[in-house]
Protein backbone atom coordinates (compact mmCIF):
# COMPACT_ATOMS: atom_id res chain seq x y z
CA MET A 1 -5.40 48.66 -13.21
CA GLN A 2 -6.38 46.38 -15.66
CA GLU A 3 -2.91 44.95 -16.17
CA ASP A 4 -2.95 44.62 -12.24
CA ILE A 5 -5.81 42.41 -12.19
CA LEU A 6 -4.35 40.34 -15.10
CA GLN A 7 -1.10 39.84 -13.29
CA SER A 8 -2.94 38.98 -9.88
CA TYR A 9 -5.10 36.30 -11.86
CA SER A 10 -1.88 35.01 -13.79
CA VAL A 11 -0.15 34.66 -10.33
CA GLN A 12 -3.15 32.86 -8.57
CA ALA A 13 -3.61 30.77 -11.55
CA MET A 14 0.15 29.56 -11.45
CA LYS A 15 -0.25 29.11 -7.88
CA GLN A 16 -3.22 27.10 -8.21
CA TYR A 17 -1.44 24.94 -11.24
CA GLN A 18 1.50 24.22 -9.26
CA SER A 19 -0.51 22.77 -6.18
CA LEU A 20 -2.27 20.78 -8.67
CA ILE A 21 0.89 19.40 -9.96
CA GLN A 22 1.92 18.77 -6.39
CA LEU A 23 -1.04 16.88 -5.68
CA ASN A 24 -1.02 14.77 -8.98
CA SER A 25 2.59 13.84 -8.20
CA LEU A 26 1.87 12.98 -4.65
CA TRP A 27 -1.13 10.83 -5.64
CA LEU A 28 0.61 8.92 -8.21
CA GLY A 29 3.60 8.31 -5.65
CA ASN A 30 1.21 7.03 -3.28
CA LEU A 31 -0.26 4.72 -5.92
CA GLU A 32 2.85 3.34 -6.62
CA LYS A 33 3.80 2.60 -3.19
CA GLY A 34 0.25 0.79 -2.57
CA ILE A 35 0.88 -1.13 -5.55
CA ASP A 36 4.49 -2.27 -4.41
CA ILE A 37 3.00 -3.14 -0.94
CA GLN A 38 0.17 -5.30 -2.49
CA LEU A 39 2.59 -6.91 -4.91
CA ASP A 40 4.84 -7.73 -1.96
CA ALA A 41 1.72 -9.38 -0.17
CA ILE A 42 0.71 -11.31 -3.25
CA ASN A 43 4.13 -12.76 -3.72
CA LEU A 44 4.40 -13.71 -0.08
CA TYR A 45 1.12 -15.05 0.06
CA THR A 46 1.59 -17.06 -3.06
CA HIS A 47 4.69 -18.54 -1.67
CA ILE A 48 3.13 -19.63 1.50
CA ASN A 49 0.12 -21.35 -0.46
CA PHE A 50 2.58 -23.23 -2.80
CA GLU A 51 4.58 -24.25 0.02
CA GLN A 52 1.32 -25.82 1.89
CA ALA A 53 0.13 -27.31 -1.59
CA LYS A 54 3.75 -28.99 -1.53
CA ASN A 55 3.36 -30.19 2.14
CA ILE A 56 0.01 -31.66 1.42
CA ALA A 57 1.15 -33.47 -1.53
CA SER A 58 4.00 -35.19 0.67
CA ILE A 59 1.74 -36.52 3.04
CA LYS A 60 2.14 -40.18 3.06
CA GLY A 61 0.74 -41.25 6.59
CA ILE A 62 -0.74 -40.36 9.79
CA GLU A 63 2.47 -38.73 11.11
CA ASP A 64 2.96 -36.72 8.18
CA LEU A 65 -0.48 -35.52 8.52
CA GLN A 66 -0.15 -34.62 12.21
CA SER A 67 3.06 -32.62 11.40
CA PHE A 68 1.23 -31.00 8.55
CA SER A 69 -1.45 -29.93 11.06
CA GLU A 70 1.01 -28.57 13.65
CA ASN A 71 2.82 -26.53 10.89
CA THR A 72 -0.30 -25.34 9.37
CA THR A 73 -1.18 -23.74 12.88
CA ARG A 74 2.09 -22.17 12.88
CA ILE A 75 1.82 -20.75 9.51
CA THR A 76 -1.46 -19.34 10.04
CA GLU A 77 -0.39 -17.48 12.82
CA SER A 78 2.65 -16.15 10.86
CA PHE A 79 0.43 -15.53 8.10
CA ASN A 80 -2.16 -13.49 10.23
CA GLU A 81 0.75 -11.24 11.51
CA ARG A 82 2.13 -10.53 8.07
CA LEU A 83 -1.39 -9.58 6.96
CA ILE A 84 -1.66 -7.28 10.08
CA LYS A 85 1.77 -5.69 9.05
CA HIS A 86 0.68 -5.17 5.43
CA SER A 87 -2.45 -3.69 6.82
CA GLU A 88 -0.40 -1.18 8.92
CA LYS A 89 1.59 -0.14 5.76
CA ILE A 90 -1.70 0.59 3.67
CA THR A 91 -2.87 2.56 6.69
CA ASP A 92 0.24 4.53 7.26
CA LEU A 93 0.18 5.18 3.44
CA SER A 94 -3.12 6.40 3.38
CA LYS A 95 -2.62 8.53 6.71
CA GLY A 96 0.34 10.27 5.03
CA LEU A 97 -1.54 10.94 1.71
CA ILE A 98 -4.25 12.57 3.48
CA SER A 99 -1.83 14.73 5.86
CA ASP A 100 0.35 15.62 2.54
CA SER A 101 -2.85 16.33 0.54
CA GLU A 102 -4.27 18.80 3.41
CA ASN A 103 -1.01 20.60 3.29
CA ILE A 104 -1.06 21.19 -0.21
CA TRP A 105 -4.84 22.14 -0.22
CA GLN A 106 -3.75 24.66 2.39
CA ILE A 107 -1.57 26.44 0.19
CA LEU A 108 -4.51 26.94 -2.39
């Protein structure tokens, strides 16, 4: 009887330990994906800002300023679209993490 109790406890502990390993792996994987998304966004936004700085430095007159202003509007719209896409990626990643975590917790 005592051996059965110990065996049952051992099986339950291993099952819980394996689930915690799965959770740890899931969280680390999502952390890596989140960092990749953020680094991609930072790279893109930095590139846009440097291009804008170069464009500002090249303004020599009224025509250049008008062209810069028109381009800035287009770049701002593009920037906003990309920002929304990056936000959606992070949201999808979070939803996936929650769903996968719930599945693992149900095993416990």
